[in-house]
Protein backbone atom coordinates (compact mmCIF):
# COMPACT_ATOMS: atom_id res chain seq x y z
CA MET A 1 78.63 -35.19 39.41
CA LYS A 2 79.77 -35.11 35.80
CA LYS A 3 81.56 -31.89 34.89
CA ILE A 4 80.33 -30.28 31.66
CA ILE A 5 81.74 -27.14 30.05
CA SER A 6 79.27 -25.31 27.78
CA VAL A 7 80.78 -22.74 25.40
CA VAL A 8 79.22 -19.42 24.42
CA GLY A 9 80.94 -17.07 22.02
CA ALA A 10 78.27 -14.71 20.68
CA ARG A 11 74.80 -13.54 21.75
CA PRO A 12 72.79 -16.17 19.80
CA ASN A 13 74.70 -18.82 21.77
CA PHE A 14 73.18 -17.50 25.02
CA MET A 15 69.66 -18.48 23.92
CA LYS A 16 70.89 -22.00 23.18
CA ILE A 17 72.98 -22.55 26.31
CA ALA A 18 70.51 -21.01 28.80
CA PRO A 19 67.83 -23.75 28.66
CA LEU A 20 70.49 -26.46 28.60
CA HIS A 21 72.26 -25.00 31.64
CA HIS A 22 68.96 -24.86 33.55
CA ALA A 23 68.11 -28.47 32.57
CA LEU A 24 71.56 -29.73 33.58
CA LYS A 25 71.31 -28.01 36.97
CA LYS A 26 67.77 -29.32 37.49
CA SER A 27 68.86 -32.91 36.87
CA GLY A 28 71.24 -32.82 39.84
CA LYS A 29 73.70 -35.09 38.03
CA TYR A 30 75.92 -32.52 36.40
CA GLN A 31 78.24 -29.66 37.28
CA SER A 32 77.40 -27.15 34.54
CA ILE A 33 80.22 -24.70 33.81
CA ILE A 34 79.54 -21.83 31.40
CA LEU A 35 82.57 -20.56 29.49
CA HIS A 36 82.28 -17.31 27.56
CA THR A 37 85.06 -16.86 25.02
CA GLY A 38 84.33 -13.16 24.58
CA GLN A 39 84.37 -13.53 20.78
CA HIS A 40 81.55 -10.98 20.68
CA TYR A 41 81.28 -8.90 23.77
CA ASP A 42 79.34 -5.75 24.49
CA GLU A 43 79.18 -5.35 28.27
CA LYS A 44 75.75 -3.73 28.28
CA MET A 45 74.15 -6.13 25.80
CA SER A 46 75.76 -9.26 27.23
CA LYS A 47 74.58 -8.36 30.72
CA VAL A 48 71.05 -7.75 29.41
CA PHE A 49 71.01 -11.13 27.69
CA PHE A 50 72.33 -12.96 30.76
CA ASP A 51 69.76 -11.21 32.97
CA ASP A 52 66.89 -11.82 30.53
CA LEU A 53 67.69 -15.53 30.25
CA GLY A 54 68.31 -16.08 33.94
CA LEU A 55 71.92 -17.11 33.37
CA PRO A 56 74.59 -16.65 36.03
CA GLU A 57 77.72 -14.74 35.18
CA PRO A 58 80.01 -17.02 33.14
CA ASP A 59 82.16 -19.25 35.32
CA ILE A 60 85.07 -18.69 32.95
CA TYR A 61 85.61 -15.67 30.69
CA LEU A 62 88.41 -15.77 28.12
CA GLY A 63 88.12 -12.16 26.89
CA ILE A 64 89.22 -12.92 23.33
CA GLY A 65 87.65 -9.91 21.60
CA SER A 66 87.44 -9.14 17.89
CA GLY A 67 89.89 -9.97 15.13
CA SER A 68 90.13 -11.85 11.86
CA HIS A 69 88.73 -15.38 11.66
CA ALA A 70 92.22 -16.81 12.08
CA GLU A 71 93.11 -14.50 14.99
CA GLN A 72 89.90 -15.22 16.88
CA THR A 73 90.07 -18.96 16.34
CA ALA A 74 93.74 -19.15 17.34
CA LYS A 75 93.28 -17.03 20.47
CA VAL A 76 90.31 -19.11 21.62
CA MET A 77 92.24 -22.34 21.03
CA ILE A 78 95.24 -21.17 23.05
CA GLU A 79 93.17 -20.03 26.03
CA PHE A 80 90.66 -22.89 25.91
CA GLU A 81 93.44 -25.48 25.96
CA LYS A 82 94.61 -24.07 29.31
CA VAL A 83 91.06 -24.30 30.70
CA LEU A 84 90.58 -27.91 29.58
CA MET A 85 93.88 -29.06 31.04
CA LYS A 86 92.95 -27.49 34.37
CA GLU A 87 89.24 -28.41 34.56
CA LEU A 88 89.30 -31.89 32.95
CA PRO A 89 85.58 -31.99 32.09
CA GLU A 90 83.77 -35.17 31.08
CA ILE A 91 82.39 -33.44 27.99
CA VAL A 92 82.43 -30.08 26.16
CA ILE A 93 79.19 -28.76 24.67
CA VAL A 94 79.39 -26.33 21.76
CA VAL A 95 76.44 -24.71 20.01
CA GLY A 96 75.79 -23.09 16.66
CA ASP A 97 78.45 -22.15 14.14
CA VAL A 98 80.60 -19.24 15.37
CA ASN A 99 84.40 -19.28 15.50
CA SER A 100 84.34 -20.22 19.18
CA THR A 101 82.33 -23.33 18.29
CA LEU A 102 85.01 -24.47 15.88
CA ALA A 103 87.97 -23.52 18.05
CA CYS A 104 86.76 -25.21 21.24
CA SER A 105 85.68 -28.38 19.46
CA ILE A 106 89.13 -28.76 17.85
CA VAL A 107 90.95 -28.27 21.16
CA ALA A 108 88.69 -30.72 23.00
CA ALA A 109 88.97 -33.36 20.25
CA LYS A 110 92.78 -33.17 20.28
CA LEU A 111 92.84 -33.55 24.08
CA LEU A 112 90.48 -36.54 23.74
CA VAL A 113 87.65 -34.78 25.58
CA PRO A 114 84.29 -35.78 24.06
CA VAL A 115 82.47 -33.01 22.16
CA ALA A 116 78.71 -32.58 21.82
CA HIS A 117 77.48 -30.21 19.10
CA VAL A 118 74.04 -28.72 19.60
CA GLU A 119 72.41 -27.62 16.31
CA ALA A 120 74.42 -30.12 14.30
CA GLY A 121 73.92 -30.98 10.65
CA LEU A 122 72.70 -27.62 9.37
CA ARG A 123 74.06 -26.86 5.90
CA SER A 124 73.56 -23.96 3.51
CA GLY A 125 75.62 -25.57 0.76
CA ASP A 126 77.56 -22.31 0.51
CA ARG A 127 81.20 -22.67 1.54
CA THR A 128 81.86 -18.97 1.04
CA MET A 129 80.10 -18.51 4.40
CA PRO A 130 82.58 -18.86 7.29
CA GLU A 131 79.78 -20.39 9.36
CA GLU A 132 79.43 -23.26 6.88
CA ILE A 133 83.09 -24.22 7.35
CA ASN A 134 82.65 -24.04 11.13
CA ARG A 135 79.60 -26.34 10.96
CA ILE A 136 81.23 -28.95 8.73
CA VAL A 137 84.46 -29.19 10.73
CA THR A 138 82.73 -29.18 14.11
CA ASP A 139 80.34 -31.95 13.10
CA SER A 140 83.16 -34.06 11.67
CA ILE A 141 85.04 -34.20 15.00
CA SER A 142 82.12 -34.24 17.47
CA ASP A 143 81.17 -37.38 19.37
CA LEU A 144 77.52 -36.45 19.89
CA LEU A 145 75.44 -34.56 17.32
CA PHE A 146 72.21 -33.01 18.58
CA VAL A 147 70.10 -32.17 15.52
CA SER A 148 67.37 -29.52 15.32
CA GLU A 149 65.51 -30.45 12.12
CA PRO A 150 65.24 -33.42 9.71
CA SER A 151 67.53 -31.82 7.11
CA GLY A 152 70.35 -32.03 9.66
CA MET A 153 69.95 -35.81 9.90
CA HIS A 154 69.92 -36.17 6.10
CA ASN A 155 73.01 -33.95 5.71
CA LEU A 156 75.02 -35.90 8.27
CA ILE A 157 74.04 -39.26 6.79
CA ASN A 158 75.06 -38.00 3.33
CA GLU A 159 78.44 -37.01 4.80
CA GLY A 160 78.96 -40.54 6.08
CA VAL A 161 78.48 -39.80 9.78
CA SER A 162 77.55 -42.78 11.94
CA GLU A 163 73.88 -42.67 12.89
CA GLU A 164 74.85 -43.78 16.40
CA LYS A 165 76.24 -40.27 16.99
CA MET A 166 73.09 -38.48 15.80
CA PHE A 167 70.11 -37.51 17.96
CA PHE A 168 67.11 -35.61 16.60
CA VAL A 169 66.19 -33.60 19.70
CA GLY A 170 64.59 -30.45 18.24
CA ASN A 171 65.48 -26.78 18.32
CA ILE A 172 67.02 -25.61 21.58
CA MET A 173 66.62 -21.91 20.77
CA ILE A 174 62.86 -22.40 20.82
CA ASP A 175 63.17 -23.54 24.45
CA SER A 176 64.24 -19.99 25.31
CA LEU A 177 61.44 -18.48 23.24
CA VAL A 178 58.76 -20.67 24.87
CA ALA A 179 60.15 -19.94 28.34
CA HIS A 180 60.14 -16.16 27.85
CA VAL A 181 57.26 -15.35 25.52
CA GLN A 182 54.88 -14.51 28.39
CA LYS A 183 57.46 -12.14 29.87
CA ALA A 184 57.87 -10.58 26.42
CA ASN A 185 54.09 -10.03 26.26
CA GLN A 186 54.44 -7.73 29.27
CA SER A 187 57.21 -5.64 27.70
CA ASN A 188 56.51 -1.94 27.16
CA VAL A 189 58.84 -1.68 24.17
CA LEU A 190 56.01 -1.01 21.67
CA LYS A 191 54.54 1.70 23.86
CA ASN A 192 57.96 3.24 24.40
CA LEU A 193 58.55 3.35 20.63
CA GLY A 194 55.02 4.55 19.83
CA LEU A 195 54.20 1.42 17.81
CA GLU A 196 50.95 -0.45 17.31
CA GLU A 197 50.81 -4.24 16.99
CA LYS A 198 51.07 -5.53 13.40
CA SER A 199 51.69 -2.02 12.09
CA TYR A 200 55.42 -2.19 11.34
CA THR A 201 58.19 -4.09 9.57
CA LEU A 202 61.10 -5.25 11.71
CA VAL A 203 64.54 -5.36 10.07
CA THR A 204 67.76 -7.07 11.11
CA LEU A 205 70.90 -7.01 8.97
CA HIS A 206 74.41 -8.13 9.80
CA ARG A 207 75.85 -10.29 7.01
CA PRO A 208 78.80 -8.74 5.14
CA SER A 209 77.08 -9.28 1.78
CA ASN A 210 74.33 -6.90 2.88
CA VAL A 211 76.16 -4.28 4.93
CA ASP A 212 79.85 -4.17 4.04
CA SER A 213 79.70 -2.22 0.78
CA LYS A 214 78.21 1.13 -0.15
CA GLU A 215 76.31 -0.47 -3.04
CA SER A 216 74.63 -3.08 -0.85
CA LEU A 217 73.66 -0.56 1.80
CA GLU A 218 72.29 1.85 -0.83
CA LYS A 219 70.19 -1.04 -2.16
CA MET A 220 68.84 -1.70 1.34
CA LEU A 221 67.90 1.94 1.75
CA ARG A 222 66.01 1.87 -1.55
CA ILE A 223 64.13 -1.22 -0.34
CA PHE A 224 63.29 0.52 2.92
CA ALA A 225 62.07 3.61 1.06
CA GLU A 226 59.70 1.42 -0.96
CA ILE A 227 58.39 -0.44 2.10
CA ALA A 228 57.94 2.86 3.94
CA HIS A 229 55.09 3.73 1.56
CA ARG A 230 53.14 0.95 3.22
CA SER A 231 54.65 0.37 6.67
CA GLN A 232 56.67 1.86 9.50
CA ILE A 233 60.14 0.24 9.59
CA VAL A 234 61.92 -0.53 12.87
CA PHE A 235 65.62 -1.33 12.53
CA PRO A 236 67.60 -2.19 15.70
CA ILE A 237 70.92 -1.35 14.14
CA HIS A 238 74.17 -2.94 15.13
CA PRO A 239 76.95 -0.40 15.91
CA ARG A 240 79.02 -1.88 13.08
CA THR A 241 76.22 -1.34 10.55
CA ARG A 242 75.64 2.19 11.85
CA LYS A 243 79.34 2.90 11.38
CA ARG A 244 79.15 1.58 7.81
CA LEU A 245 76.29 4.00 7.03
CA GLU A 246 78.37 6.85 8.43
CA ASP A 247 81.60 5.79 6.67
CA PHE A 248 79.81 5.57 3.31
CA GLY A 249 78.07 8.92 3.82
CA LEU A 250 74.62 7.30 3.80
CA MET A 251 73.26 8.34 7.18
CA GLU A 252 71.57 11.42 5.69
CA LYS A 253 69.78 9.19 3.14
CA ALA A 254 68.67 6.86 5.93
CA ASN A 255 67.36 9.71 8.05
CA ALA A 256 65.46 11.08 5.03
CA ILE A 257 63.23 7.97 4.99
CA SER A 258 60.52 9.33 7.25
CA LYS A 259 59.12 5.97 8.40
CA LEU A 260 62.50 4.35 9.04
CA ARG A 261 63.34 4.16 12.76
CA LEU A 262 66.95 3.32 13.58
CA ILE A 263 67.00 2.18 17.21
CA GLU A 264 69.65 0.74 19.51
CA PRO A 265 70.13 -3.05 19.69
CA GLN A 266 67.53 -4.53 22.02
CA GLY A 267 67.68 -7.06 24.84
CA TYR A 268 66.22 -10.52 24.32
CA ILE A 269 62.81 -9.80 25.87
CA GLU A 270 62.32 -6.49 24.05
CA PHE A 271 63.39 -7.93 20.71
CA LEU A 272 61.14 -10.96 21.17
CA LYS A 273 58.18 -8.61 21.70
CA LEU A 274 59.11 -6.56 18.62
CA MET A 275 59.38 -9.72 16.53
CA LYS A 276 56.16 -11.26 17.84
CA GLU A 277 54.04 -8.21 16.97
CA ALA A 278 55.61 -7.31 13.60
CA ALA A 279 53.55 -7.47 10.42
CA LEU A 280 56.72 -8.53 8.60
CA VAL A 281 60.31 -9.37 9.51
CA LEU A 282 63.05 -8.69 6.97
CA THR A 283 66.31 -10.41 7.92
CA ASP A 284 69.53 -12.16 6.94
CA SER A 285 69.79 -13.98 10.30
CA GLY A 286 69.56 -17.72 10.82
CA GLY A 287 67.92 -17.80 14.23
CA ILE A 288 65.27 -15.24 13.38
CA GLN A 289 64.01 -17.49 10.59
CA GLU A 290 63.33 -20.10 13.28
CA GLU A 291 61.79 -17.78 15.84
CA THR A 292 59.38 -16.16 13.36
CA THR A 293 58.27 -19.62 12.22
CA VAL A 294 57.31 -20.58 15.78
CA LEU A 295 55.64 -17.21 16.37
CA GLY A 296 53.72 -17.46 13.08
CA VAL A 297 55.19 -14.15 11.87
CA GLN A 298 55.87 -13.50 8.18
CA CYS A 299 59.61 -13.54 7.44
CA LEU A 300 61.55 -12.69 4.29
CA THR A 301 65.16 -13.86 4.34
CA MET A 302 67.47 -11.76 2.17
CA ARG A 303 69.98 -14.46 1.31
CA GLU A 304 70.56 -16.81 -1.61
CA ASN A 305 70.43 -19.88 0.64
CA THR A 306 69.48 -21.03 4.12
CA GLU A 307 70.78 -23.74 6.43
CA ARG A 308 67.33 -23.92 8.04
CA PRO A 309 65.05 -25.31 5.29
CA ALA A 310 62.35 -26.35 7.79
CA THR A 311 61.46 -22.68 8.17
CA ILE A 312 60.59 -22.60 4.45
CA GLU A 313 59.21 -26.11 3.96
CA VAL A 314 57.01 -25.96 7.09
CA GLY A 315 57.17 -22.45 8.49
CA THR A 316 56.39 -18.85 7.56
CA ASN A 317 59.80 -18.00 6.11
CA GLN A 318 60.41 -17.17 2.43
CA LEU A 319 63.85 -17.04 0.85
CA VAL A 320 63.85 -13.95 -1.37
CA GLY A 321 67.51 -13.72 -2.39
CA THR A 322 69.29 -10.39 -2.74
CA ASP A 323 67.60 -9.02 -5.87
CA GLU A 324 66.18 -5.59 -5.06
CA SER A 325 63.02 -5.85 -7.15
CA GLU A 326 62.21 -9.33 -5.80
CA ILE A 327 62.58 -8.21 -2.18
CA LYS A 328 60.40 -5.15 -2.76
CA ALA A 329 57.71 -7.17 -4.53
CA LYS A 330 57.57 -9.90 -1.87
CA ALA A 331 57.50 -7.36 0.96
CA MET A 332 54.58 -5.50 -0.59
CA GLU A 333 52.72 -8.78 -1.19
CA VAL A 334 52.95 -9.68 2.48
CA LEU A 335 52.04 -6.20 3.68
CA ASN A 336 49.02 -6.27 1.35
CA GLY A 337 47.78 -9.47 3.00
CA ASN A 338 49.19 -12.21 0.76
CA ILE A 339 50.76 -14.17 3.61
CA LYS A 340 52.34 -17.59 3.85
CA GLU A 341 50.61 -20.04 6.18
CA GLY A 342 52.96 -22.08 8.31
CA LYS A 343 53.18 -24.71 11.00
CA ILE A 344 55.64 -25.33 13.86
CA PRO A 345 58.25 -27.96 12.88
CA GLU A 346 58.54 -31.25 14.73
CA LYS A 347 60.08 -31.07 18.22
CA TRP A 348 60.24 -27.27 18.23
CA ASP A 349 58.20 -27.43 21.43
CA GLY A 350 60.35 -25.98 24.21
CA ARG A 351 61.53 -29.37 25.53
CA THR A 352 64.75 -29.85 23.57
CA ALA A 353 67.03 -29.26 26.57
CA ASP A 354 65.24 -32.02 28.49
CA ARG A 355 65.74 -34.41 25.57
CA ILE A 356 69.45 -33.54 25.41
CA VAL A 357 69.90 -34.17 29.15
CA ALA A 358 68.01 -37.48 28.88
CA THR A 359 70.35 -38.48 26.04
CA LEU A 360 73.40 -37.50 28.11
CA ASP A 361 72.09 -39.59 31.01
CA HIS A 362 71.88 -42.59 28.70
CA ILE A 363 75.26 -41.94 27.07
CA PHE A 364 77.10 -41.58 30.39
CA ALA A 365 75.48 -44.79 31.62
CA THR A 366 76.98 -46.65 28.64
CA TRP A 367 80.42 -44.98 28.37
């Protein structure tokens, strides 16, 4: 059996590794080892995500914890090098664009262990985003590039990457969504929160440009106050964002918005249900742009760019920038029924993990 180490570093990685782990195990040809760097780790939330996705406890846990980009990357590299020299896997699989993705791909490449990058080729064109640097470097040293949407193929070709390395397999995160949407339908989260289907706006915010200054958070609260005239707002708030509100003395303002509900971060199943039944999703997340497109839910992305253009070109996502008046206007348009029709992009069908495993079968037969 071929030994494969799959790296997770943050919660979005779980949704990408879970279907691949299950497909590798099902094939019977691979020893699938899950390594959690601990880059982001909340014991309660991580356990919920592993349970929801049917993942075993990680085989290897590095326990890196928080720190600056340099500290995190360096710590992961030091610890991951020890693991690779002991385990000697045939290949390392990294997903997404977090610091763990970059760190583990560099270590593997220098030890001449082949690297496969799942979700390769995505580009925002904005190098002020740490994730953009992680994507570019990881793709440049990976041996296999598993691409989720056509823009990824075009970006890699434009960067001079050999087409022999590139495989358009579809969006692996949608595999998790397809596998769990029926379970999400049975969730009682709406009942528990006293919500009706299609009666609320769901908000997620985590990017520094939106939450790390008093001015940006005050702007968000003004946007929420405007939307609250038309819709209940449900905001599963990250502890870091909650702390920012408290540090800037804005919690009283937030609590004064009568239709704004600040709730604890949710598990995968509960959040999927909340997203599926929202009238509108307001976000700065990458993955949520993809999930809302597949669910046919209206999404407004509060960023100046996106590395997932298929969600705009084909799906239900709209890029609204960070201008307060523009966000308010677009949100009210959607809530008043002026919605964007969308379709599901090619190969976002829940079978991406199977296509990756089939590609690995072929690659290992030729190596």
